[in-house]
Amino acid sequence: MQNNRLFFAIGLLTASSVLGLELRFEYPALERVLGQQLFTSEGRRYVQGNEKRRCNYAYLEKPHIGEWNGRLVIRAKFIGKAAVDMFGRCMGIGDTFDLTLVGTPVYQSGMVTLKDVQATTNGHNTMYSRRVMKGLEQAMSKDIGYPVEKDAKWILEQPRDGFPFQQKLSNLVIQSVQATPGALVLVADFVLTVK
């Protein structure tokens, strides 16, 4: 029985090295990763200030991930205030609106990141929202990243119950990254050594 599993694993790896292996990351799973990675303060991602700054802060919350025309889409709610505290009252501007960030997923240095990020406010157009969108386009290009190489290594090298071998991942090469309607799809080549 164990020999059959070993031959199956070897056959699977041989086939994947010829054809490339497709890794599919469904959007609900990516939302959880994004939530853990970026939306860490009570489900919020502060892009300015923090929860202690009453009059000058900006954050995103409630992210949802999807696809549009082969690009990755992140929808979130923006809440922000650019004001000063004057005698216990915040004097300045602030706003709340839904926004959409759209970017092309790319693989570099072990991470899937976004390039050419564009932000829109879904019809909300004020001087403050335009400044916010410009800042978010720059920040999200740098901040958003999924550690594919690290997670693939962790998943493929995990000990398996009843499997008397160890696995080691090496030579991971991501051939392509594509946002599809149901998942982020990566085509990969790699070597998995079973010892």
C-alpha atoms as a PDB file:
ATOM      1  CA  MET A   1       0.000   0.000   0.000  1.00  0.00           C
ATOM      2  CA  GLN A   2       2.768   2.466   0.902  1.00  0.00           C
ATOM      3  CA  ASN A   3       4.612   1.612  -2.334  1.00  0.00           C
ATOM      4  CA  ASN A   4       1.447   2.457  -4.289  1.00  0.00           C
ATOM      5  CA  ARG A   5       1.279   5.870  -2.591  1.00  0.00           C
ATOM      6  CA  LEU A   6       4.944   6.491  -3.337  1.00  0.00           C
ATOM      7  CA  PHE A   7       4.519   5.568  -7.017  1.00  0.00           C
ATOM      8  CA  PHE A   8       1.399   7.736  -7.203  1.00  0.00           C
ATOM      9  CA  ALA A   9       3.305  10.694  -5.681  1.00  0.00           C
ATOM     10  CA  ILE A  10       6.237  10.169  -8.060  1.00  0.00           C
ATOM     11  CA  GLY A  11       3.862   9.928 -11.031  1.00  0.00           C
ATOM     12  CA  LEU A  12       2.044  13.059  -9.979  1.00  0.00           C
ATOM     13  CA  LEU A  13       5.267  15.014  -9.595  1.00  0.00           C
ATOM     14  CA  THR A  14       6.620  13.772 -12.921  1.00  0.00           C
ATOM     15  CA  ALA A  15       3.417  14.807 -14.685  1.00  0.00           C
ATOM     16  CA  SER A  16       3.434  18.205 -12.988  1.00  0.00           C
ATOM     17  CA  SER A  17       7.027  18.892 -14.005  1.00  0.00           C
ATOM     18  CA  VAL A  18       6.104  18.313 -17.648  1.00  0.00           C
ATOM     19  CA  LEU A  19       2.802  20.211 -17.664  1.00  0.00           C
ATOM     20  CA  GLY A  20       3.181  22.721 -14.841  1.00  0.00           C
ATOM     21  CA  LEU A  21       1.092  22.476 -11.716  1.00  0.00           C
ATOM     22  CA  GLU A  22      -1.912  24.732 -11.266  1.00  0.00           C
ATOM     23  CA  LEU A  23      -2.290  26.290  -7.821  1.00  0.00           C
ATOM     24  CA  ARG A  24      -5.742  27.788  -7.235  1.00  0.00           C
ATOM     25  CA  PHE A  25      -6.310  30.231  -4.371  1.00  0.00           C
ATOM     26  CA  GLU A  26     -10.046  30.829  -4.018  1.00  0.00           C
ATOM     27  CA  TYR A  27     -11.009  34.381  -3.118  1.00  0.00           C
ATOM     28  CA  PRO A  28     -12.497  33.626   0.334  1.00  0.00           C
ATOM     29  CA  ALA A  29      -9.124  32.098   1.318  1.00  0.00           C
ATOM     30  CA  LEU A  30      -7.288  35.166  -0.018  1.00  0.00           C
ATOM     31  CA  GLU A  31      -9.667  37.400   1.960  1.00  0.00           C
ATOM     32  CA  ARG A  32      -8.679  35.562   5.148  1.00  0.00           C
ATOM     33  CA  VAL A  33      -4.975  35.970   4.316  1.00  0.00           C
ATOM     34  CA  LEU A  34      -5.474  39.653   3.503  1.00  0.00           C
ATOM     35  CA  GLY A  35      -7.396  40.088   6.745  1.00  0.00           C
ATOM     36  CA  GLN A  36      -4.603  38.504   8.778  1.00  0.00           C
ATOM     37  CA  GLN A  37      -1.831  40.294   6.887  1.00  0.00           C
ATOM     38  CA  LEU A  38      -3.189  43.818   6.491  1.00  0.00           C
ATOM     39  CA  PHE A  39      -6.467  44.290   8.358  1.00  0.00           C
ATOM     40  CA  THR A  40      -5.030  43.563  11.766  1.00  0.00           C
ATOM     41  CA  SER A  41      -6.390  46.312  14.023  1.00  0.00           C
ATOM     42  CA  GLU A  42      -9.978  45.280  14.853  1.00  0.00           C
ATOM     43  CA  GLY A  43     -10.510  44.327  11.184  1.00  0.00           C
ATOM     44  CA  ARG A  44      -9.131  47.653   9.990  1.00  0.00           C
ATOM     45  CA  ARG A  45      -6.134  48.641   7.887  1.00  0.00           C
ATOM     46  CA  TYR A  46      -4.918  52.046   9.024  1.00  0.00           C
ATOM     47  CA  VAL A  47      -3.316  53.990   6.192  1.00  0.00           C
ATOM     48  CA  GLN A  48      -2.891  57.072   8.392  1.00  0.00           C
ATOM     49  CA  GLY A  49      -2.838  57.395  12.162  1.00  0.00           C
ATOM     50  CA  ASN A  50      -4.296  54.717  14.431  1.00  0.00           C
ATOM     51  CA  GLU A  51      -7.280  54.008  16.668  1.00  0.00           C
ATOM     52  CA  LYS A  52      -5.919  56.392  19.342  1.00  0.00           C
ATOM     53  CA  ARG A  53      -5.898  59.435  17.062  1.00  0.00           C
ATOM     54  CA  ARG A  54      -9.396  60.823  17.318  1.00  0.00           C
ATOM     55  CA  CYS A  55      -9.158  63.610  14.743  1.00  0.00           C
ATOM     56  CA  ASN A  56      -6.570  62.493  12.199  1.00  0.00           C
ATOM     57  CA  TYR A  57      -6.849  58.946  10.867  1.00  0.00           C
ATOM     58  CA  ALA A  58      -7.778  56.937   7.807  1.00  0.00           C
ATOM     59  CA  TYR A  59      -8.503  53.243   7.500  1.00  0.00           C
ATOM     60  CA  LEU A  60     -10.016  50.572   5.298  1.00  0.00           C
ATOM     61  CA  GLU A  61     -12.310  47.823   6.545  1.00  0.00           C
ATOM     62  CA  LYS A  62     -14.449  44.912   5.277  1.00  0.00           C
ATOM     63  CA  PRO A  63     -12.305  43.832   2.303  1.00  0.00           C
ATOM     64  CA  HIS A  64     -13.789  41.586  -0.375  1.00  0.00           C
ATOM     65  CA  ILE A  65     -11.711  40.099  -3.195  1.00  0.00           C
ATOM     66  CA  GLY A  66     -12.821  39.194  -6.689  1.00  0.00           C
ATOM     67  CA  GLU A  67     -11.888  39.478 -10.347  1.00  0.00           C
ATOM     68  CA  TRP A  68     -12.667  41.849 -13.179  1.00  0.00           C
ATOM     69  CA  ASN A  69     -11.270  41.442 -16.717  1.00  0.00           C
ATOM     70  CA  GLY A  70      -8.364  39.293 -15.512  1.00  0.00           C
ATOM     71  CA  ARG A  71      -7.389  41.765 -12.789  1.00  0.00           C
ATOM     72  CA  LEU A  72      -7.698  41.353  -9.036  1.00  0.00           C
ATOM     73  CA  VAL A  73     -10.359  43.511  -7.369  1.00  0.00           C
ATOM     74  CA  ILE A  74     -10.443  44.495  -3.697  1.00  0.00           C
ATOM     75  CA  ARG A  75     -13.573  46.242  -2.470  1.00  0.00           C
ATOM     76  CA  ALA A  76     -13.485  47.905   0.937  1.00  0.00           C
ATOM     77  CA  LYS A  77     -14.988  50.690   3.004  1.00  0.00           C
ATOM     78  CA  PHE A  78     -12.883  53.816   3.632  1.00  0.00           C
ATOM     79  CA  ILE A  79     -13.331  55.926   6.778  1.00  0.00           C
ATOM     80  CA  GLY A  80     -11.090  58.918   7.389  1.00  0.00           C
ATOM     81  CA  LYS A  81     -10.708  62.285   9.014  1.00  0.00           C
ATOM     82  CA  ALA A  82      -8.104  65.003   8.475  1.00  0.00           C
ATOM     83  CA  ALA A  83      -8.772  67.420  11.304  1.00  0.00           C
ATOM     84  CA  VAL A  84      -7.250  69.059  14.361  1.00  0.00           C
ATOM     85  CA  ASP A  85      -8.477  68.897  17.930  1.00  0.00           C
ATOM     86  CA  MET A  86      -9.742  72.314  18.998  1.00  0.00           C
ATOM     87  CA  PHE A  87     -11.159  72.456  22.503  1.00  0.00           C
ATOM     88  CA  GLY A  88     -12.285  68.827  22.358  1.00  0.00           C
ATOM     89  CA  ARG A  89     -13.856  69.044  18.899  1.00  0.00           C
ATOM     90  CA  CYS A  90     -12.377  67.817  15.622  1.00  0.00           C
ATOM     91  CA  MET A  91     -12.232  70.670  13.121  1.00  0.00           C
ATOM     92  CA  GLY A  92     -11.510  69.662   9.526  1.00  0.00           C
ATOM     93  CA  ILE A  93     -12.694  67.315   6.822  1.00  0.00           C
ATOM     94  CA  GLY A  94     -13.575  63.666   6.845  1.00  0.00           C
ATOM     95  CA  ASP A  95     -15.447  61.167   4.747  1.00  0.00           C
ATOM     96  CA  THR A  96     -16.749  57.616   4.499  1.00  0.00           C
ATOM     97  CA  PHE A  97     -17.231  55.811   1.193  1.00  0.00           C
ATOM     98  CA  ASP A  98     -16.967  52.458  -0.559  1.00  0.00           C
ATOM     99  CA  LEU A  99     -13.964  52.034  -2.805  1.00  0.00           C
ATOM    100  CA  THR A 100     -12.570  49.591  -5.300  1.00  0.00           C
ATOM    101  CA  LEU A 101      -8.887  48.816  -5.872  1.00  0.00           C
ATOM    102  CA  VAL A 102      -8.040  47.028  -9.123  1.00  0.00           C
ATOM    103  CA  GLY A 103      -4.577  45.696  -9.921  1.00  0.00           C
ATOM    104  CA  THR A 104      -2.769  43.209 -12.106  1.00  0.00           C
ATOM    105  CA  PRO A 105      -1.420  40.271 -10.076  1.00  0.00           C
ATOM    106  CA  VAL A 106       2.278  39.526 -10.640  1.00  0.00           C
ATOM    107  CA  TYR A 107       4.814  37.217  -9.030  1.00  0.00           C
ATOM    108  CA  GLN A 108       8.137  38.572  -7.776  1.00  0.00           C
ATOM    109  CA  SER A 109      10.561  37.584  -5.031  1.00  0.00           C
ATOM    110  CA  GLY A 110       8.352  34.814  -3.636  1.00  0.00           C
ATOM    111  CA  MET A 111       5.249  37.027  -3.432  1.00  0.00           C
ATOM    112  CA  VAL A 112       2.151  37.672  -5.511  1.00  0.00           C
ATOM    113  CA  THR A 113       1.754  41.447  -5.552  1.00  0.00           C
ATOM    114  CA  LEU A 114      -0.292  43.963  -7.507  1.00  0.00           C
ATOM    115  CA  LYS A 115       0.973  46.342 -10.165  1.00  0.00           C
ATOM    116  CA  ASP A 116      -0.812  49.170 -11.956  1.00  0.00           C
ATOM    117  CA  VAL A 117      -3.222  49.615  -9.026  1.00  0.00           C
ATOM    118  CA  GLN A 118      -6.157  51.904  -9.743  1.00  0.00           C
ATOM    119  CA  ALA A 119      -8.566  53.123  -7.078  1.00  0.00           C
ATOM    120  CA  THR A 120     -12.113  54.356  -7.621  1.00  0.00           C
ATOM    121  CA  THR A 121     -14.727  55.584  -5.203  1.00  0.00           C
ATOM    122  CA  ASN A 122     -17.772  54.088  -6.881  1.00  0.00           C
ATOM    123  CA  GLY A 123     -19.225  57.490  -7.800  1.00  0.00           C
ATOM    124  CA  HIS A 124     -18.102  59.439  -4.716  1.00  0.00           C
ATOM    125  CA  ASN A 125     -16.069  62.407  -5.983  1.00  0.00           C
ATOM    126  CA  THR A 126     -14.758  65.036  -3.573  1.00  0.00           C
ATOM    127  CA  MET A 127     -11.398  66.756  -3.206  1.00  0.00           C
ATOM    128  CA  TYR A 128     -10.715  64.630  -0.124  1.00  0.00           C
ATOM    129  CA  SER A 129     -11.683  61.332  -1.845  1.00  0.00           C
ATOM    130  CA  ARG A 130      -9.476  62.139  -4.865  1.00  0.00           C
ATOM    131  CA  ARG A 131      -6.463  62.696  -2.564  1.00  0.00           C
ATOM    132  CA  VAL A 132      -7.264  59.463  -0.734  1.00  0.00           C
ATOM    133  CA  MET A 133      -7.486  57.464  -3.975  1.00  0.00           C
ATOM    134  CA  LYS A 134      -4.124  58.746  -5.208  1.00  0.00           C
ATOM    135  CA  GLY A 135      -2.450  57.849  -1.899  1.00  0.00           C
ATOM    136  CA  LEU A 136      -4.080  54.416  -1.781  1.00  0.00           C
ATOM    137  CA  GLU A 137      -2.930  53.540  -5.303  1.00  0.00           C
ATOM    138  CA  GLN A 138       0.674  54.092  -4.245  1.00  0.00           C
ATOM    139  CA  ALA A 139       0.347  52.455  -0.812  1.00  0.00           C
ATOM    140  CA  MET A 140      -1.506  49.338  -1.948  1.00  0.00           C
ATOM    141  CA  SER A 141       1.038  48.619  -4.687  1.00  0.00           C
ATOM    142  CA  LYS A 142       3.618  48.327  -1.896  1.00  0.00           C
ATOM    143  CA  ASP A 143       1.498  46.867   0.925  1.00  0.00           C
ATOM    144  CA  ILE A 144      -0.447  44.047  -0.700  1.00  0.00           C
ATOM    145  CA  GLY A 145       1.426  40.802  -1.171  1.00  0.00           C
ATOM    146  CA  TYR A 146       0.714  37.110  -0.717  1.00  0.00           C
ATOM    147  CA  PRO A 147       3.747  34.963   0.286  1.00  0.00           C
ATOM    148  CA  VAL A 148       3.165  32.136  -2.198  1.00  0.00           C
ATOM    149  CA  GLU A 149       6.617  30.619  -1.936  1.00  0.00           C
ATOM    150  CA  LYS A 150       6.533  30.530   1.871  1.00  0.00           C
ATOM    151  CA  ASP A 151       3.018  29.050   2.009  1.00  0.00           C
ATOM    152  CA  ALA A 152       3.694  26.512  -0.766  1.00  0.00           C
ATOM    153  CA  LYS A 153       6.770  25.351   1.122  1.00  0.00           C
ATOM    154  CA  TRP A 154       4.783  25.041   4.347  1.00  0.00           C
ATOM    155  CA  ILE A 155       1.896  23.154   2.680  1.00  0.00           C
ATOM    156  CA  LEU A 156       4.030  20.742   0.647  1.00  0.00           C
ATOM    157  CA  GLU A 157       6.595  20.007   3.358  1.00  0.00           C
ATOM    158  CA  GLN A 158       4.102  19.261   6.152  1.00  0.00           C
ATOM    159  CA  PRO A 159       4.440  15.744   7.645  1.00  0.00           C
ATOM    160  CA  ARG A 160       1.498  13.515   6.672  1.00  0.00           C
ATOM    161  CA  ASP A 161      -0.108  10.926   8.942  1.00  0.00           C
ATOM    162  CA  GLY A 162       0.733   7.435   7.756  1.00  0.00           C
ATOM    163  CA  PHE A 163       3.237   8.728   5.189  1.00  0.00           C
ATOM    164  CA  PRO A 164       6.716   7.582   6.294  1.00  0.00           C
ATOM    165  CA  PHE A 165       8.618  10.098   4.166  1.00  0.00           C
ATOM    166  CA  GLN A 166       9.676  13.720   4.382  1.00  0.00           C
ATOM    167  CA  GLN A 167       9.175  16.182   1.535  1.00  0.00           C
ATOM    168  CA  LYS A 168      11.381  19.119   0.520  1.00  0.00           C
ATOM    169  CA  LEU A 169      10.295  21.788  -1.967  1.00  0.00           C
ATOM    170  CA  SER A 170      12.925  23.423  -4.182  1.00  0.00           C
ATOM    171  CA  ASN A 171      13.279  25.202  -7.531  1.00  0.00           C
ATOM    172  CA  LEU A 172       9.834  26.810  -7.367  1.00  0.00           C
ATOM    173  CA  VAL A 173       9.180  28.783 -10.557  1.00  0.00           C
ATOM    174  CA  ILE A 174       5.871  30.570 -11.082  1.00  0.00           C
ATOM    175  CA  GLN A 175       5.198  30.591 -14.822  1.00  0.00           C
ATOM    176  CA  SER A 176       2.027  32.690 -14.752  1.00  0.00           C
ATOM    177  CA  VAL A 177      -0.449  34.401 -12.440  1.00  0.00           C
ATOM    178  CA  GLN A 178      -4.023  35.006 -13.513  1.00  0.00           C
ATOM    179  CA  ALA A 179      -7.141  36.310 -11.794  1.00  0.00           C
ATOM    180  CA  THR A 180     -10.086  34.166 -12.902  1.00  0.00           C
ATOM    181  CA  PRO A 181     -13.745  34.544 -11.874  1.00  0.00           C
ATOM    182  CA  GLY A 182     -13.415  32.039  -8.987  1.00  0.00           C
ATOM    183  CA  ALA A 183      -9.775  32.087  -7.923  1.00  0.00           C
ATOM    184  CA  LEU A 184      -6.283  33.439  -8.326  1.00  0.00           C
ATOM    185  CA  VAL A 185      -4.531  30.812 -10.456  1.00  0.00           C
ATOM    186  CA  LEU A 186      -0.784  30.271 -10.524  1.00  0.00           C
ATOM    187  CA  VAL A 187       0.966  27.837 -12.857  1.00  0.00           C
ATOM    188  CA  ALA A 188       4.112  26.576 -11.174  1.00  0.00           C
ATOM    189  CA  ASP A 189       7.038  24.261 -11.746  1.00  0.00           C
ATOM    190  CA  PHE A 190       8.931  22.928  -8.773  1.00  0.00           C
ATOM    191  CA  VAL A 191      10.880  19.986  -7.459  1.00  0.00           C
ATOM    192  CA  LEU A 192       9.472  18.075  -4.503  1.00  0.00           C
ATOM    193  CA  THR A 193      12.038  15.682  -3.116  1.00  0.00           C
ATOM    194  CA  VAL A 194      10.649  12.766  -1.094  1.00  0.00           C
ATOM    195  CA  LYS A 195      13.166  11.188   1.288  1.00  0.00           C
END
